[in-house]
Amino acid sequence: MKVFNQFYYSFSPQIAEYERSNILFKNVIKYSIYPLLGILSISETGYNIAGSSELGAISSGFIAAMLIGVIYLSPFTLMFKFVRKNQTSSKTLMLLILNSLFTVSIGIMLNNPLILMITTSFFILTTIIGFSILTPKILVSVYKKYLMNGTRNTV
């Protein structure tokens, strides 16, 4: 939370000030926050199901990071040619996410606040990035299969 708060409060006061003076920007922010509220509600449910423990916190963070990557960043990653051309490795992305989860486990076992700040930040960022690339990759793959099946059926 310290890392997130430091990042968030480094720019949020300026954005809030601009939002107060610009009605169009205010509406864009308002409607872009709605999915985030749903994400937080879902991740809270994950926390409650897993129990109020380290596992609950990790589950909640994973769910929130995954959904943020899917909902907010996936549309932008489609702009990258390597995603549209399916030149990314799903295995590599999943291994990166699993590796980051492993580092969090080590941080929990060591019970060192500095190591936990670093490893949990790494875990959240790799989950966001991983799912923001995996989602369009899957969608492009399904779309291409659909096109191929449609082409075969019409010939």
Protein backbone atom coordinates (compact mmCIF):
# COMPACT_ATOMS: atom_id res chain seq x y z
CA MET A 1 0.00 0.00 0.00
CA LYS A 2 2.87 2.38 0.71
CA VAL A 3 4.18 1.96 -2.84
CA PHE A 4 0.71 2.43 -4.34
CA ASN A 5 -0.07 5.46 -2.17
CA GLN A 6 3.23 7.09 -3.02
CA PHE A 7 2.57 6.55 -6.74
CA TYR A 8 -1.09 7.59 -6.61
CA TYR A 9 -0.63 10.75 -4.57
CA SER A 10 2.25 11.88 -6.77
CA PHE A 11 -0.22 12.87 -9.51
CA SER A 12 -3.81 12.64 -8.19
CA PRO A 13 -4.07 16.14 -6.62
CA GLN A 14 -3.24 17.77 -9.98
CA ILE A 15 -5.78 15.60 -11.80
CA ALA A 16 -8.47 16.36 -9.18
CA GLU A 17 -7.84 20.09 -9.58
CA TYR A 18 -8.13 19.87 -13.38
CA GLU A 19 -11.26 17.73 -13.05
CA ARG A 20 -12.97 20.41 -10.93
CA SER A 21 -12.44 22.99 -13.67
CA ASN A 22 -13.32 20.88 -16.74
CA ILE A 23 -16.83 19.35 -16.97
CA LEU A 24 -16.01 17.08 -19.94
CA PHE A 25 -12.96 15.64 -18.20
CA LYS A 26 -15.04 15.24 -15.04
CA ASN A 27 -17.59 13.09 -16.91
CA VAL A 28 -14.88 10.99 -18.56
CA ILE A 29 -13.33 10.28 -15.16
CA LYS A 30 -16.72 9.57 -13.59
CA TYR A 31 -17.71 6.97 -16.18
CA SER A 32 -14.26 5.40 -16.36
CA ILE A 33 -14.34 4.77 -12.61
CA TYR A 34 -17.54 2.67 -12.72
CA PRO A 35 -15.79 -0.52 -13.87
CA LEU A 36 -13.18 0.00 -11.15
CA LEU A 37 -15.89 0.01 -8.49
CA GLY A 38 -17.12 -3.35 -9.80
CA ILE A 39 -13.57 -4.70 -9.84
CA LEU A 40 -13.05 -3.66 -6.24
CA SER A 41 -16.32 -5.28 -5.23
CA ILE A 42 -15.35 -8.55 -6.92
CA SER A 43 -11.87 -8.50 -5.38
CA GLU A 44 -13.39 -7.86 -1.95
CA THR A 45 -15.49 -10.99 -2.43
CA GLY A 46 -12.30 -12.90 -3.31
CA TYR A 47 -10.70 -11.60 -0.12
CA ASN A 48 -13.66 -12.70 1.98
CA ILE A 49 -13.82 -16.16 0.38
CA ALA A 50 -10.09 -16.77 0.88
CA GLY A 51 -10.29 -15.49 4.45
CA SER A 52 -8.84 -12.42 6.07
CA SER A 53 -5.26 -13.59 5.75
CA GLU A 54 -2.24 -13.26 3.50
CA LEU A 55 -3.95 -15.64 1.05
CA GLY A 56 -7.00 -13.38 1.02
CA ALA A 57 -4.86 -10.33 0.34
CA ILE A 58 -2.98 -12.09 -2.47
CA SER A 59 -6.24 -13.40 -3.97
CA SER A 60 -7.83 -9.98 -3.80
CA GLY A 61 -4.79 -8.31 -5.35
CA PHE A 62 -4.62 -10.91 -8.11
CA ILE A 63 -8.31 -10.53 -8.97
CA ALA A 64 -8.12 -6.72 -9.00
CA ALA A 65 -4.89 -6.65 -11.05
CA MET A 66 -6.19 -9.23 -13.52
CA LEU A 67 -9.47 -7.37 -14.10
CA ILE A 68 -7.75 -3.99 -14.36
CA GLY A 69 -5.47 -5.43 -17.02
CA VAL A 70 -8.39 -7.00 -18.88
CA ILE A 71 -10.81 -4.07 -18.73
CA TYR A 72 -8.60 -1.00 -18.82
CA LEU A 73 -5.42 -2.02 -20.66
CA SER A 74 -6.42 -4.82 -23.06
CA PRO A 75 -8.03 -2.45 -25.59
CA PHE A 76 -4.76 -0.50 -25.78
CA THR A 77 -2.54 -3.56 -26.15
CA LEU A 78 -4.47 -4.45 -29.31
CA MET A 79 -2.74 -1.48 -30.90
CA PHE A 80 0.57 -3.32 -30.70
CA LYS A 81 1.37 -5.37 -33.76
CA PHE A 82 3.05 -8.19 -31.79
CA VAL A 83 -0.24 -8.80 -29.96
CA ARG A 84 -2.40 -8.72 -33.11
CA LYS A 85 0.03 -10.97 -34.98
CA ASN A 86 0.00 -13.41 -32.03
CA GLN A 87 3.77 -13.10 -31.54
CA THR A 88 3.60 -13.30 -27.76
CA SER A 89 4.05 -16.48 -25.79
CA SER A 90 1.23 -17.34 -23.40
CA LYS A 91 3.55 -19.72 -21.59
CA THR A 92 6.13 -16.98 -21.01
CA LEU A 93 3.49 -14.59 -19.68
CA MET A 94 2.02 -17.21 -17.35
CA LEU A 95 5.51 -18.20 -16.14
CA LEU A 96 6.25 -14.56 -15.39
CA ILE A 97 3.04 -14.25 -13.35
CA LEU A 98 3.76 -17.52 -11.51
CA ASN A 99 7.33 -16.41 -10.86
CA SER A 100 6.08 -13.16 -9.36
CA LEU A 101 3.67 -15.12 -7.15
CA PHE A 102 6.60 -17.27 -6.04
CA THR A 103 8.60 -14.16 -5.10
CA VAL A 104 5.64 -12.93 -3.03
CA SER A 105 5.64 -16.28 -1.21
CA ILE A 106 9.31 -15.81 -0.41
CA GLY A 107 8.59 -12.28 0.82
CA ILE A 108 5.85 -13.60 3.11
CA MET A 109 8.12 -16.32 4.49
CA LEU A 110 10.92 -13.82 5.14
CA ASN A 111 8.43 -11.40 6.71
CA ASN A 112 10.53 -8.45 5.56
CA PRO A 113 8.48 -5.29 4.80
CA LEU A 114 10.90 -4.01 2.14
CA ILE A 115 11.00 -7.34 0.32
CA LEU A 116 7.20 -7.58 0.55
CA MET A 117 6.79 -4.10 -0.96
CA ILE A 118 9.02 -5.02 -3.88
CA THR A 119 7.61 -8.51 -4.48
CA THR A 120 3.95 -7.53 -4.19
CA SER A 121 4.50 -4.59 -6.56
CA PHE A 122 6.20 -6.97 -9.00
CA PHE A 123 3.29 -9.43 -8.65
CA ILE A 124 0.60 -6.80 -9.26
CA LEU A 125 2.40 -5.22 -12.22
CA THR A 126 3.15 -8.56 -13.91
CA THR A 127 -0.47 -9.63 -13.42
CA ILE A 128 -1.81 -6.39 -14.92
CA ILE A 129 0.60 -6.52 -17.87
CA GLY A 130 0.24 -10.27 -18.37
CA PHE A 131 -3.56 -10.23 -18.54
CA SER A 132 -3.62 -7.05 -20.62
CA ILE A 133 -1.65 -8.99 -23.25
CA LEU A 134 -3.20 -12.44 -22.76
CA THR A 135 -6.79 -11.25 -23.18
CA PRO A 136 -6.39 -9.69 -26.63
CA LYS A 137 -4.17 -12.60 -27.63
CA ILE A 138 -7.00 -15.01 -26.81
CA LEU A 139 -9.60 -12.80 -28.51
CA VAL A 140 -7.50 -12.49 -31.68
CA SER A 141 -6.95 -16.25 -31.71
CA VAL A 142 -10.68 -16.96 -31.32
CA TYR A 143 -11.50 -14.38 -34.00
CA LYS A 144 -9.02 -15.93 -36.44
CA LYS A 145 -10.46 -19.42 -35.83
CA TYR A 146 -13.95 -18.03 -36.37
CA LEU A 147 -12.87 -16.46 -39.67
CA MET A 148 -11.22 -19.71 -40.79
CA ASN A 149 -14.31 -21.75 -39.93
CA GLY A 150 -16.53 -19.23 -41.67
CA THR A 151 -14.33 -19.39 -44.78
CA ARG A 152 -14.42 -23.21 -44.84
CA ASN A 153 -18.20 -23.34 -44.44
CA THR A 154 -18.86 -20.91 -47.31
CA VAL A 155 -16.60 -22.66 -49.83
